[in-house]
């Protein structure tokens, strides 16, 4: 007696289904799970920054670079400024590149550097480049002056911003005093 391919295949599928069904029946007979009232092993999960900001009413206190400036020197700022050097110079009387020359920028009026055309968004902000304003701008230029020309994403670390601000302060003919 010879069985065809289809008969053999059907028999194999039937046997496999019986094995699976039988395993489930035997497993359910041996183990009868009960629902626990609480987890046997509590799992503590730390809230992420985004969840904490959305769930709590308290605003997260942002670290300011101005308070960290006394902890660094301008040599450390020169290293961080290399991220900016592709578009800016800090030499006295130096040329403008994609961005303006930043010699003497600390406490200078915004948008008045000779030979550079500032965006309307930055001109609308007005004021001077105080330590606080530089900190906010360096953190996120797009948030500080939405629509400005600067494509740099910003320096997220307060320590990096503090170093760059100190470096810019030292590249000034009459450096303003450090904040208290």
N, C-alpha and C. Protein backbone atom coordinates (compact mmCIF):
# COMPACT_ATOMS: atom_id res chain seq x y z
N UNK A 1 0.83 -1.17 0.00
CA UNK A 1 0.00 0.00 0.00
C UNK A 1 0.87 1.24 0.00
N UNK A 2 0.68 2.08 -0.98
CA UNK A 2 1.45 3.30 -1.13
C UNK A 2 0.54 4.51 -0.88
N UNK A 3 1.05 5.45 -0.06
CA UNK A 3 0.29 6.67 0.20
C UNK A 3 0.83 7.78 -0.69
N UNK A 4 -0.04 8.64 -1.13
CA UNK A 4 0.38 9.76 -1.97
C UNK A 4 1.02 10.85 -1.09
N UNK A 5 1.66 11.78 -1.76
CA UNK A 5 2.31 12.91 -1.08
C UNK A 5 1.30 13.68 -0.24
N UNK A 6 0.11 13.91 -0.77
CA UNK A 6 -0.90 14.69 -0.08
C UNK A 6 -1.42 13.96 1.15
N UNK A 7 -1.54 12.69 1.09
CA UNK A 7 -1.99 11.92 2.24
C UNK A 7 -0.94 11.95 3.35
N UNK A 8 0.32 11.80 2.97
CA UNK A 8 1.41 11.86 3.95
C UNK A 8 1.48 13.24 4.59
N UNK A 9 1.36 14.29 3.78
CA UNK A 9 1.42 15.67 4.29
C UNK A 9 0.26 15.95 5.23
N UNK A 10 -0.93 15.55 4.87
CA UNK A 10 -2.11 15.76 5.71
C UNK A 10 -1.97 15.04 7.03
N UNK A 11 -1.45 13.81 7.01
CA UNK A 11 -1.27 13.03 8.23
C UNK A 11 -0.24 13.72 9.14
N UNK A 12 0.84 14.27 8.56
CA UNK A 12 1.87 14.96 9.35
C UNK A 12 1.30 16.20 10.02
N UNK A 13 0.48 16.96 9.31
CA UNK A 13 -0.14 18.16 9.88
C UNK A 13 -1.10 17.75 11.00
N UNK A 14 -1.86 16.68 10.81
CA UNK A 14 -2.80 16.21 11.83
C UNK A 14 -2.06 15.76 13.09
N UNK A 15 -0.98 15.04 12.94
CA UNK A 15 -0.17 14.59 14.09
C UNK A 15 0.41 15.80 14.82
N UNK A 16 0.94 16.80 14.07
CA UNK A 16 1.51 18.00 14.70
C UNK A 16 0.44 18.76 15.48
N UNK A 17 -0.75 18.88 14.95
CA UNK A 17 -1.84 19.57 15.65
C UNK A 17 -2.21 18.82 16.92
N UNK A 18 -2.26 17.46 16.87
CA UNK A 18 -2.56 16.69 18.07
C UNK A 18 -1.47 16.87 19.13
N UNK A 19 -0.21 16.93 18.72
CA UNK A 19 0.89 17.11 19.68
C UNK A 19 0.77 18.47 20.37
N UNK A 20 0.49 19.52 19.61
CA UNK A 20 0.35 20.86 20.19
C UNK A 20 -0.84 20.89 21.13
N UNK A 21 -1.98 20.37 20.67
CA UNK A 21 -3.18 20.38 21.51
C UNK A 21 -2.97 19.56 22.79
N UNK A 22 -2.35 18.43 22.65
CA UNK A 22 -2.07 17.58 23.82
C UNK A 22 -1.13 18.25 24.79
N UNK A 23 -0.11 18.96 24.29
CA UNK A 23 0.83 19.66 25.17
C UNK A 23 0.12 20.75 25.96
N UNK A 24 -0.78 21.46 25.31
CA UNK A 24 -1.53 22.51 26.00
C UNK A 24 -2.41 21.90 27.09
N UNK A 25 -3.07 20.81 26.78
CA UNK A 25 -3.95 20.17 27.76
C UNK A 25 -3.16 19.67 28.96
N UNK A 26 -2.03 19.02 28.71
CA UNK A 26 -1.20 18.51 29.81
C UNK A 26 -0.65 19.68 30.63
N UNK A 27 -0.19 20.74 29.95
CA UNK A 27 0.35 21.91 30.67
C UNK A 27 -0.69 22.57 31.54
N UNK A 28 -1.92 22.72 31.03
CA UNK A 28 -2.99 23.32 31.84
C UNK A 28 -3.39 22.43 33.02
N UNK A 29 -3.29 21.11 32.87
CA UNK A 29 -3.62 20.21 33.97
C UNK A 29 -2.56 20.27 35.07
N UNK A 30 -1.29 20.47 34.67
CA UNK A 30 -0.21 20.50 35.67
C UNK A 30 -0.07 21.85 36.36
N UNK A 31 -0.29 22.94 35.63
CA UNK A 31 -0.10 24.28 36.17
C UNK A 31 -1.42 25.03 36.07
N UNK A 32 -1.90 25.49 37.21
CA UNK A 32 -3.14 26.25 37.22
C UNK A 32 -2.82 27.65 37.74
N UNK A 33 -2.61 28.60 36.82
CA UNK A 33 -2.21 29.94 37.26
C UNK A 33 -3.32 30.68 37.99
N UNK A 34 -2.90 31.44 39.00
CA UNK A 34 -3.83 32.30 39.72
C UNK A 34 -3.35 33.74 39.57
N UNK A 35 -4.31 34.64 39.45
CA UNK A 35 -3.98 36.05 39.29
C UNK A 35 -3.57 36.62 40.65
N UNK A 36 -2.41 37.26 40.72
CA UNK A 36 -1.94 37.85 41.97
C UNK A 36 -2.61 39.20 42.20
N UNK A 37 -2.80 39.53 43.46
CA UNK A 37 -3.40 40.82 43.80
C UNK A 37 -2.42 41.96 43.50
N UNK A 38 -1.13 41.70 43.69
CA UNK A 38 -0.10 42.70 43.37
C UNK A 38 1.12 41.95 42.85
N UNK A 39 2.02 42.68 42.21
CA UNK A 39 3.21 42.05 41.65
C UNK A 39 4.07 41.45 42.75
N UNK A 40 4.57 40.24 42.53
CA UNK A 40 5.44 39.59 43.50
C UNK A 40 6.77 40.32 43.60
N UNK A 41 7.24 40.84 42.48
CA UNK A 41 8.48 41.60 42.44
C UNK A 41 8.17 43.00 41.90
N UNK A 42 8.02 43.99 42.79
CA UNK A 42 7.69 45.34 42.29
C UNK A 42 8.85 45.90 41.46
N UNK A 43 8.51 46.51 40.36
CA UNK A 43 9.51 47.09 39.46
C UNK A 43 9.40 48.60 39.55
N UNK A 44 10.49 49.22 39.95
CA UNK A 44 10.53 50.68 40.04
C UNK A 44 11.16 51.22 38.78
N UNK A 45 10.46 52.13 38.13
CA UNK A 45 10.93 52.71 36.89
C UNK A 45 11.12 54.20 37.11
N UNK A 46 12.33 54.68 36.79
CA UNK A 46 12.59 56.10 36.91
C UNK A 46 11.87 56.82 35.78
N UNK A 47 11.30 57.98 36.09
CA UNK A 47 10.60 58.74 35.07
C UNK A 47 11.62 59.38 34.14
N UNK A 48 11.32 59.36 32.87
CA UNK A 48 12.21 60.01 31.91
C UNK A 48 12.01 61.51 32.00
N UNK A 49 12.94 62.26 31.41
CA UNK A 49 12.86 63.72 31.44
C UNK A 49 11.58 64.20 30.78
N UNK A 50 11.20 63.58 29.68
CA UNK A 50 10.02 64.04 28.97
C UNK A 50 8.75 63.70 29.75
N UNK A 51 8.72 62.51 30.36
CA UNK A 51 7.54 62.13 31.13
C UNK A 51 7.44 62.98 32.38
N UNK A 52 8.57 63.26 33.03
CA UNK A 52 8.55 64.06 34.24
C UNK A 52 8.09 65.48 33.93
N UNK A 53 8.51 66.01 32.81
CA UNK A 53 8.11 67.38 32.46
C UNK A 53 6.63 67.43 32.14
N UNK A 54 6.11 66.39 31.52
CA UNK A 54 4.70 66.39 31.16
C UNK A 54 3.79 66.04 32.32
N UNK A 55 4.25 65.23 33.28
CA UNK A 55 3.40 64.76 34.35
C UNK A 55 3.40 65.66 35.58
N UNK A 56 4.47 66.39 35.80
CA UNK A 56 4.53 67.21 37.00
C UNK A 56 4.23 68.66 36.67
N UNK A 57 3.71 69.35 37.66
CA UNK A 57 3.37 70.75 37.46
C UNK A 57 4.61 71.64 37.58
N UNK A 58 5.63 71.12 38.27
CA UNK A 58 6.84 71.92 38.44
C UNK A 58 7.63 71.95 37.15
N UNK A 59 8.11 73.13 36.79
CA UNK A 59 8.96 73.25 35.61
C UNK A 59 10.37 72.85 35.99
N UNK A 60 11.03 72.14 35.12
CA UNK A 60 12.40 71.72 35.37
C UNK A 60 13.29 72.95 35.36
N UNK A 61 14.12 73.09 36.38
CA UNK A 61 15.01 74.22 36.48
C UNK A 61 16.18 73.99 35.52
N UNK A 62 16.33 74.88 34.59
CA UNK A 62 17.40 74.76 33.60
C UNK A 62 18.70 75.29 34.21
N UNK A 63 19.78 74.60 33.94
CA UNK A 63 21.07 75.03 34.42
C UNK A 63 21.55 76.17 33.55
N UNK A 64 21.98 77.23 34.17
CA UNK A 64 22.44 78.40 33.45
C UNK A 64 23.95 78.38 33.32
N UNK A 65 24.43 78.78 32.17
CA UNK A 65 25.87 78.85 31.95
C UNK A 65 26.48 80.01 32.72
N UNK A 66 25.70 81.03 33.00
CA UNK A 66 26.22 82.22 33.67
C UNK A 66 26.75 81.86 35.05
N UNK A 67 26.06 80.99 35.76
CA UNK A 67 26.52 80.58 37.09
C UNK A 67 27.76 79.71 37.07
N UNK A 68 28.06 79.10 35.93
CA UNK A 68 29.21 78.21 35.83
C UNK A 68 30.47 78.91 35.32
N UNK A 69 30.35 80.15 34.91
CA UNK A 69 31.48 80.82 34.25
C UNK A 69 32.72 80.91 35.13
N UNK A 70 32.55 81.06 36.43
CA UNK A 70 33.70 81.18 37.32
C UNK A 70 34.48 79.87 37.43
N UNK A 71 33.90 78.77 37.00
CA UNK A 71 34.53 77.45 37.12
C UNK A 71 35.49 77.14 35.97
N UNK A 72 35.49 77.94 34.91
CA UNK A 72 36.27 77.62 33.72
C UNK A 72 37.18 78.76 33.33
N UNK A 73 38.07 78.48 32.38
CA UNK A 73 38.90 79.53 31.82
C UNK A 73 38.67 79.60 30.31
N UNK A 74 39.16 80.65 29.70
CA UNK A 74 38.87 80.86 28.27
C UNK A 74 39.61 79.86 27.38
N UNK A 75 40.68 79.23 27.89
CA UNK A 75 41.38 78.22 27.07
C UNK A 75 40.45 77.04 26.78
N UNK A 76 39.65 76.67 27.77
CA UNK A 76 38.67 75.61 27.54
C UNK A 76 37.62 76.07 26.53
N UNK A 77 37.31 77.35 26.56
CA UNK A 77 36.34 77.91 25.61
C UNK A 77 36.86 77.90 24.19
N UNK A 78 38.18 78.04 24.02
CA UNK A 78 38.76 78.02 22.67
C UNK A 78 38.54 76.67 22.02
N UNK A 79 38.58 75.62 22.82
CA UNK A 79 38.35 74.27 22.27
C UNK A 79 36.90 74.11 21.82
N UNK A 80 35.96 74.58 22.64
CA UNK A 80 34.55 74.46 22.29
C UNK A 80 34.21 75.39 21.12
N UNK A 81 34.89 76.54 21.05
CA UNK A 81 34.61 77.51 19.99
C UNK A 81 34.96 76.95 18.61
N UNK A 82 35.72 75.89 18.55
CA UNK A 82 36.05 75.29 17.24
C UNK A 82 34.78 74.87 16.50
N UNK A 83 33.71 74.58 17.23
CA UNK A 83 32.43 74.27 16.59
C UNK A 83 31.87 75.50 15.87
N UNK A 84 32.24 76.67 16.34
CA UNK A 84 31.72 77.93 15.80
C UNK A 84 32.64 78.53 14.74
N UNK A 85 33.91 78.10 14.74
CA UNK A 85 34.93 78.73 13.91
C UNK A 85 34.71 78.56 12.41
N UNK A 86 33.88 77.62 12.01
CA UNK A 86 33.58 77.48 10.59
C UNK A 86 32.81 78.66 10.04
N UNK A 87 32.05 79.33 10.91
CA UNK A 87 31.20 80.45 10.47
C UNK A 87 31.58 81.79 11.09
N UNK A 88 32.38 81.78 12.16
CA UNK A 88 32.70 83.02 12.88
C UNK A 88 34.20 83.14 13.11
N UNK A 89 34.67 84.38 13.20
CA UNK A 89 36.03 84.68 13.63
C UNK A 89 35.94 85.51 14.90
N UNK A 90 37.04 85.56 15.67
CA UNK A 90 37.07 86.37 16.88
C UNK A 90 38.26 87.32 16.89
N UNK A 91 38.96 87.44 15.77
CA UNK A 91 40.11 88.33 15.71
C UNK A 91 39.65 89.77 15.63
N UNK A 92 40.40 90.65 16.33
CA UNK A 92 40.06 92.07 16.27
C UNK A 92 40.22 92.55 14.83
N UNK A 93 39.15 93.10 14.28
CA UNK A 93 39.16 93.56 12.89
C UNK A 93 39.09 92.43 11.89
N UNK A 94 38.84 91.21 12.35
CA UNK A 94 38.78 90.05 11.48
C UNK A 94 37.59 90.11 10.53
N UNK A 95 37.63 89.29 9.49
CA UNK A 95 36.56 89.33 8.49
C UNK A 95 35.31 88.60 8.98
N UNK A 96 34.20 88.96 8.37
CA UNK A 96 32.97 88.20 8.56
C UNK A 96 33.06 86.97 7.68
N UNK A 97 32.47 85.90 8.15
CA UNK A 97 32.36 84.69 7.32
C UNK A 97 30.87 84.52 7.02
N UNK A 98 30.37 83.32 7.18
CA UNK A 98 28.94 83.10 7.05
C UNK A 98 28.22 83.87 8.15
N UNK A 99 28.83 83.91 9.32
CA UNK A 99 28.33 84.70 10.45
C UNK A 99 29.27 85.87 10.71
N UNK A 100 28.86 86.79 11.56
CA UNK A 100 29.68 87.98 11.81
C UNK A 100 30.93 87.66 12.64
N UNK A 101 31.91 88.55 12.56
CA UNK A 101 33.07 88.50 13.44
C UNK A 101 32.59 88.78 14.85
N UNK A 102 33.07 88.01 15.83
CA UNK A 102 32.55 88.10 17.20
C UNK A 102 33.49 88.82 18.16
N UNK A 103 34.45 89.57 17.65
CA UNK A 103 35.33 90.35 18.53
C UNK A 103 34.48 91.39 19.25
N UNK A 104 34.56 91.41 20.57
CA UNK A 104 33.85 92.42 21.36
C UNK A 104 32.34 92.25 21.39
N UNK A 105 31.85 91.06 21.19
CA UNK A 105 30.40 90.85 21.12
C UNK A 105 29.72 90.93 22.48
N UNK A 106 30.43 90.59 23.56
CA UNK A 106 29.82 90.60 24.89
C UNK A 106 29.48 92.05 25.27
N UNK A 107 28.25 92.28 25.63
CA UNK A 107 27.67 93.59 25.99
C UNK A 107 27.52 94.53 24.80
N UNK A 108 27.74 94.05 23.58
CA UNK A 108 27.52 94.88 22.39
C UNK A 108 26.04 94.82 22.01
N UNK A 109 25.60 95.83 21.27
CA UNK A 109 24.22 95.84 20.78
C UNK A 109 24.05 94.75 19.74
N UNK A 110 22.88 94.15 19.72
CA UNK A 110 22.60 93.07 18.76
C UNK A 110 22.37 93.66 17.38
N UNK A 111 22.94 93.00 16.38
CA UNK A 111 22.66 93.34 15.00
C UNK A 111 23.29 94.61 14.48
N UNK A 112 24.42 95.04 15.06
CA UNK A 112 25.03 96.29 14.60
C UNK A 112 26.46 96.12 14.11
N UNK A 113 26.92 94.90 13.90
CA UNK A 113 28.30 94.70 13.43
C UNK A 113 28.41 95.19 11.99
N UNK A 114 29.40 96.04 11.72
CA UNK A 114 29.58 96.61 10.39
C UNK A 114 29.86 95.53 9.36
N UNK A 115 29.22 95.66 8.22
CA UNK A 115 29.49 94.77 7.10
C UNK A 115 28.77 93.44 7.16
N UNK A 116 27.86 93.28 8.11
CA UNK A 116 27.12 92.02 8.18
C UNK A 116 25.63 92.32 8.18
N UNK A 117 24.90 91.56 7.40
CA UNK A 117 23.45 91.73 7.27
C UNK A 117 22.75 90.72 8.17
N UNK A 118 22.18 91.21 9.26
CA UNK A 118 21.49 90.35 10.22
C UNK A 118 20.07 90.04 9.76
N UNK A 119 19.53 88.93 10.24
CA UNK A 119 18.15 88.57 9.92
C UNK A 119 17.18 89.49 10.65
N UNK A 120 16.01 89.65 10.09
CA UNK A 120 14.98 90.49 10.71
C UNK A 120 14.57 89.91 12.06
N UNK A 121 14.60 88.58 12.19
CA UNK A 121 14.20 87.94 13.44
C UNK A 121 15.14 88.33 14.58
N UNK A 122 16.43 88.36 14.32
CA UNK A 122 17.39 88.73 15.36
C UNK A 122 17.32 90.22 15.66
N UNK A 123 17.13 91.03 14.63
CA UNK A 123 17.00 92.47 14.84
C UNK A 123 15.76 92.79 15.67
N UNK A 124 14.70 92.01 15.51
CA UNK A 124 13.47 92.24 16.25
C UNK A 124 13.64 91.97 17.74
N UNK A 125 14.58 91.08 18.10
CA UNK A 125 14.80 90.78 19.52
C UNK A 125 15.40 92.00 20.21
N UNK A 126 16.36 92.67 19.58
CA UNK A 126 16.95 93.88 20.13
C UNK A 126 17.71 93.66 21.42
N UNK A 127 18.21 94.75 21.99
CA UNK A 127 18.94 94.69 23.25
C UNK A 127 20.43 94.47 23.03
N UNK A 128 21.10 94.04 24.09
CA UNK A 128 22.54 93.80 24.03
C UNK A 128 22.82 92.32 24.25
N UNK A 129 24.03 91.91 23.91
CA UNK A 129 24.46 90.54 24.13
C UNK A 129 25.00 90.41 25.55
N UNK A 130 24.10 90.43 26.52
CA UNK A 130 24.49 90.22 27.92
C UNK A 130 24.87 88.75 28.09
N UNK A 131 25.43 88.43 29.24
CA UNK A 131 25.79 87.04 29.51
C UNK A 131 24.55 86.14 29.43
N UNK A 132 23.44 86.61 29.99
CA UNK A 132 22.21 85.81 29.98
C UNK A 132 21.69 85.62 28.56
N UNK A 133 21.72 86.68 27.75
CA UNK A 133 21.25 86.58 26.38
C UNK A 133 22.14 85.65 25.55
N UNK A 134 23.44 85.75 25.75
CA UNK A 134 24.35 84.84 25.04
C UNK A 134 24.09 83.39 25.44
N UNK A 135 23.84 83.16 26.72
CA UNK A 135 23.55 81.81 27.19
C UNK A 135 22.30 81.26 26.51
N UNK A 136 21.24 82.05 26.47
CA UNK A 136 19.99 81.60 25.84
C UNK A 136 20.18 81.38 24.34
N UNK A 137 20.90 82.28 23.69
CA UNK A 137 21.11 82.17 22.24
C UNK A 137 21.96 80.96 21.90
N UNK A 138 23.04 80.75 22.66
CA UNK A 138 23.93 79.62 22.39
C UNK A 138 23.26 78.28 22.69
N UNK A 139 22.30 78.27 23.60
CA UNK A 139 21.59 77.02 23.90
C UNK A 139 20.74 76.60 22.70
N UNK A 140 20.01 77.54 22.12
CA UNK A 140 19.17 77.22 20.97
C UNK A 140 18.88 78.51 20.19
N UNK A 141 19.68 78.77 19.16
CA UNK A 141 19.45 79.99 18.38
C UNK A 141 18.05 80.08 17.79
N UNK A 142 17.48 78.95 17.38
CA UNK A 142 16.14 78.96 16.77
C UNK A 142 15.06 79.29 17.80
N UNK A 143 15.24 78.87 19.04
CA UNK A 143 14.26 79.19 20.07
C UNK A 143 14.40 80.64 20.54
N UNK A 144 15.63 81.14 20.57
CA UNK A 144 15.87 82.50 21.04
C UNK A 144 15.31 83.53 20.07
N UNK A 145 15.56 83.32 18.78
CA UNK A 145 15.07 84.24 17.75
C UNK A 145 14.53 83.40 16.59
N UNK A 146 13.28 82.96 16.71
CA UNK A 146 12.72 82.11 15.65
C UNK A 146 12.77 82.81 14.28
N UNK A 147 13.31 82.09 13.31
CA UNK A 147 13.42 82.65 11.96
C UNK A 147 14.77 83.28 11.66
N UNK A 148 15.73 83.20 12.59
CA UNK A 148 17.05 83.78 12.31
C UNK A 148 17.82 82.90 11.33
N UNK A 149 18.92 83.44 10.80
CA UNK A 149 19.68 82.74 9.75
C UNK A 149 20.61 81.66 10.26
N UNK A 150 20.88 81.64 11.55
CA UNK A 150 21.88 80.71 12.08
C UNK A 150 21.34 79.27 12.03
N UNK A 151 22.10 78.39 11.39
CA UNK A 151 21.66 77.00 11.25
C UNK A 151 22.20 76.09 12.34
N UNK A 152 23.10 76.57 13.17
CA UNK A 152 23.70 75.77 14.23
C UNK A 152 22.62 75.41 15.25
N UNK A 153 22.62 74.16 15.69
CA UNK A 153 21.59 73.67 16.61
C UNK A 153 21.73 74.17 18.04
N UNK A 154 22.90 74.62 18.42
CA UNK A 154 23.11 75.13 19.77
C UNK A 154 24.01 74.22 20.60
N UNK A 155 24.41 74.73 21.74
CA UNK A 155 25.23 73.99 22.70
C UNK A 155 24.33 73.58 23.86
N UNK A 156 24.04 72.32 23.97
CA UNK A 156 23.08 71.85 24.97
C UNK A 156 23.66 71.85 26.38
N UNK A 157 24.97 71.62 26.53
CA UNK A 157 25.58 71.57 27.86
C UNK A 157 25.85 72.99 28.35
N UNK A 158 25.41 73.27 29.57
CA UNK A 158 25.63 74.58 30.16
C UNK A 158 27.13 74.85 30.32
N UNK A 159 27.91 73.82 30.60
CA UNK A 159 29.35 74.01 30.77
C UNK A 159 30.00 74.46 29.45
N UNK A 160 29.56 73.90 28.32
CA UNK A 160 30.10 74.33 27.03
C UNK A 160 29.73 75.77 26.73
N UNK A 161 28.50 76.15 27.05
CA UNK A 161 28.08 77.54 26.81
C UNK A 161 28.89 78.49 27.68
N UNK A 162 29.14 78.11 28.94
CA UNK A 162 29.91 78.95 29.84
C UNK A 162 31.34 79.16 29.31
N UNK A 163 31.93 78.10 28.80
CA UNK A 163 33.30 78.19 28.26
C UNK A 163 33.35 79.11 27.05
N UNK A 164 32.38 78.99 26.15
CA UNK A 164 32.36 79.83 24.95
C UNK A 164 32.13 81.30 25.32
N UNK A 165 31.23 81.55 26.27
CA UNK A 165 30.98 82.93 26.69
C UNK A 165 32.24 83.53 27.30
N UNK A 166 32.97 82.77 28.11
CA UNK A 166 34.23 83.27 28.68
C UNK A 166 35.24 83.57 27.57
N UNK A 167 35.29 82.70 26.58
CA UNK A 167 36.20 82.90 25.46
C UNK A 167 35.84 84.17 24.69
N UNK A 168 34.56 84.37 24.46
CA UNK A 168 34.11 85.60 23.78
C UNK A 168 34.40 86.83 24.63
N UNK A 169 34.26 86.71 25.93
CA UNK A 169 34.56 87.82 26.84
C UNK A 169 36.02 88.22 26.76
N UNK A 170 36.90 87.21 26.68
CA UNK A 170 38.34 87.50 26.61
C UNK A 170 38.76 88.06 25.25
N UNK A 171 37.94 87.87 24.23
CA UNK A 171 38.21 88.44 22.91
C UNK A 171 37.44 89.76 22.80
N UNK A 172 37.87 90.70 23.60
CA UNK A 172 37.18 91.98 23.75
C UNK A 172 38.25 92.99 24.15
N UNK A 173 38.16 94.20 23.65
CA UNK A 173 39.17 95.22 24.02
C UNK A 173 38.97 95.69 25.46
N UNK A 174 37.75 95.65 25.95
CA UNK A 174 37.46 96.06 27.32
C UNK A 174 36.46 95.06 27.90
N UNK A 175 36.94 93.88 28.36
CA UNK A 175 36.01 92.84 28.80
C UNK A 175 35.12 93.30 29.95
N UNK A 176 33.83 93.08 29.84
CA UNK A 176 32.93 93.45 30.94
C UNK A 176 33.17 92.56 32.15
N UNK A 177 32.86 93.05 33.35
CA UNK A 177 33.08 92.23 34.54
C UNK A 177 32.18 91.00 34.53
N UNK A 178 32.69 89.93 35.16
CA UNK A 178 31.89 88.70 35.28
C UNK A 178 30.71 88.94 36.19
N UNK A 179 29.60 88.28 35.95
CA UNK A 179 28.44 88.43 36.84
C UNK A 179 28.73 87.84 38.21
N UNK A 180 28.04 88.35 39.20
CA UNK A 180 28.25 87.88 40.58
C UNK A 180 27.52 86.59 40.80
